[in-house]
Amino acid sequence: MTEETSKRHQWSSQEDTRLKFLIEQYGTAWAKISTHLPGRDTQSCKNRHQYLKRRKRRPADWSEEDEALLKQFVKKHSKAFTEVWRAVAKNVPHKTWQQCEKRWNIINSDGNSATK
């Protein structure tokens, strides 16, 4: 890699679009994908893909349906609270376990327990 290509630079929206297109074509063949993105190596392509997946999964808005699912699955899994948030998040689409726990604490800030 040359000095010019080894310098880090932000991903452009055009590169993101191109990356998504290349993933549709080649799957996760990062070496092949990186050859179509000048200045990007296999690791940076993989890392960017993972970042975009996480960002896509984390919409900030909570619908009433999201909150109802959260309440339902916290109640269901409350006996095993050490893993409750991971179990709950598997059942609440597009939410991480951290988002579920944080939202639960917000909507139950009046002192309600997980089993109510």
Protein backbone atom coordinates (compact mmCIF):
# COMPACT_ATOMS: atom_id res chain seq x y z
CA MET A 1 0.00 0.00 0.00
CA THR A 2 1.39 3.41 -0.89
CA GLU A 3 1.66 6.29 1.54
CA GLU A 4 -1.25 8.00 -0.23
CA THR A 5 -3.61 5.01 0.11
CA SER A 6 -2.56 4.20 3.66
CA LYS A 7 -3.84 7.53 5.00
CA ARG A 8 -7.26 7.30 6.57
CA HIS A 9 -10.09 9.31 5.10
CA GLN A 10 -13.81 9.38 5.72
CA TRP A 11 -16.10 7.21 3.70
CA SER A 12 -18.23 9.18 1.25
CA SER A 13 -21.88 8.40 0.62
CA GLN A 14 -20.86 7.32 -2.90
CA GLU A 15 -18.40 4.82 -1.42
CA ASP A 16 -21.10 3.52 0.95
CA THR A 17 -23.45 3.04 -2.00
CA ARG A 18 -20.74 1.32 -4.01
CA LEU A 19 -19.85 -0.92 -1.06
CA LYS A 20 -23.48 -2.02 -0.67
CA PHE A 21 -23.70 -2.77 -4.39
CA LEU A 22 -20.47 -4.78 -4.32
CA ILE A 23 -21.65 -6.79 -1.29
CA GLU A 24 -24.83 -7.65 -3.20
CA GLN A 25 -22.66 -8.87 -6.09
CA TYR A 26 -19.82 -10.61 -4.23
CA GLY A 27 -21.14 -11.30 -0.75
CA THR A 28 -18.40 -10.83 1.82
CA ALA A 29 -15.44 -11.44 -0.48
CA TRP A 30 -13.61 -8.46 1.02
CA ALA A 31 -10.44 -8.89 -1.05
CA LYS A 32 -12.44 -8.75 -4.27
CA ILE A 33 -14.61 -5.88 -3.04
CA SER A 34 -11.62 -3.80 -1.97
CA THR A 35 -10.18 -3.96 -5.50
CA HIS A 36 -13.22 -1.95 -6.66
CA LEU A 37 -12.80 0.74 -3.99
CA PRO A 38 -9.55 2.65 -4.52
CA GLY A 39 -7.79 3.48 -1.27
CA ARG A 40 -9.74 0.88 0.73
CA ASP A 41 -8.31 -2.39 1.95
CA THR A 42 -10.14 -5.57 2.92
CA GLN A 43 -10.30 -4.68 6.60
CA SER A 44 -11.67 -1.19 6.04
CA CYS A 45 -14.39 -2.59 3.75
CA LYS A 46 -15.37 -5.19 6.33
CA ASN A 47 -15.35 -2.64 9.16
CA ARG A 48 -17.46 -0.19 7.15
CA HIS A 49 -19.98 -2.91 6.33
CA GLN A 50 -20.28 -3.81 10.01
CA TYR A 51 -20.70 -0.14 10.93
CA LEU A 52 -23.44 0.33 8.34
CA LYS A 53 -25.26 -2.78 9.60
CA ARG A 54 -25.15 -1.50 13.19
CA ARG A 55 -26.34 1.95 12.16
CA LYS A 56 -29.20 0.44 10.16
CA ARG A 57 -30.27 -1.68 13.16
CA ARG A 58 -30.44 1.25 15.52
CA PRO A 59 -33.31 3.55 14.64
CA ALA A 60 -33.83 6.00 17.47
CA ASP A 61 -37.62 6.12 17.47
CA TRP A 62 -39.61 3.64 19.50
CA SER A 63 -43.10 2.79 18.33
CA GLU A 64 -45.85 1.70 20.68
CA GLU A 65 -45.44 -1.77 19.20
CA ASP A 66 -41.68 -1.73 20.03
CA GLU A 67 -42.47 -0.77 23.63
CA ALA A 68 -45.17 -3.45 23.90
CA LEU A 69 -42.72 -6.10 22.65
CA LEU A 70 -40.10 -4.84 25.06
CA LYS A 71 -42.49 -5.09 28.02
CA GLN A 72 -43.70 -8.53 26.96
CA PHE A 73 -40.25 -10.05 26.66
CA VAL A 74 -38.78 -8.40 29.76
CA LYS A 75 -41.63 -9.91 31.73
CA LYS A 76 -41.11 -13.31 30.06
CA HIS A 77 -37.35 -13.35 30.69
CA SER A 78 -37.21 -11.56 34.04
CA LYS A 79 -36.23 -14.70 35.99
CA ALA A 80 -32.85 -14.85 34.25
CA PHE A 81 -31.94 -11.18 34.43
CA THR A 82 -28.23 -11.72 33.79
CA GLU A 83 -29.04 -12.44 30.13
CA VAL A 84 -32.43 -10.75 29.95
CA TRP A 85 -31.42 -7.86 27.73
CA ARG A 86 -29.80 -10.06 25.11
CA ALA A 87 -32.83 -12.36 25.13
CA VAL A 88 -35.21 -9.41 24.92
CA ALA A 89 -33.26 -7.74 22.10
CA LYS A 90 -33.52 -10.90 19.98
CA ASN A 91 -37.29 -10.40 20.03
CA VAL A 92 -37.44 -6.63 19.48
CA PRO A 93 -36.48 -5.97 15.86
CA HIS A 94 -33.73 -3.46 15.11
CA LYS A 95 -32.85 -2.84 18.77
CA THR A 96 -29.64 -3.69 20.61
CA TRP A 97 -29.68 -5.06 24.13
CA GLN A 98 -28.33 -1.73 25.38
CA GLN A 99 -31.18 0.16 23.70
CA CYS A 100 -33.73 -2.22 25.24
CA GLU A 101 -32.31 -1.84 28.73
CA LYS A 102 -32.10 1.95 28.44
CA ARG A 103 -35.64 2.22 27.10
CA TRP A 104 -36.94 -0.10 29.81
CA ASN A 105 -35.40 2.13 32.46
CA ILE A 106 -36.97 5.20 30.82
CA ILE A 107 -40.50 3.81 30.52
CA ASN A 108 -40.34 2.33 34.02
CA SER A 109 -38.75 5.27 35.81
CA ASP A 110 -41.81 5.47 38.06
CA GLY A 111 -40.59 2.40 39.93
CA ASN A 112 -42.42 -0.38 38.12
CA SER A 113 -40.73 -3.76 38.28
CA ALA A 114 -39.99 -5.94 35.28
CA THR A 115 -42.80 -8.29 36.17
CA LYS A 116 -45.61 -5.70 36.13
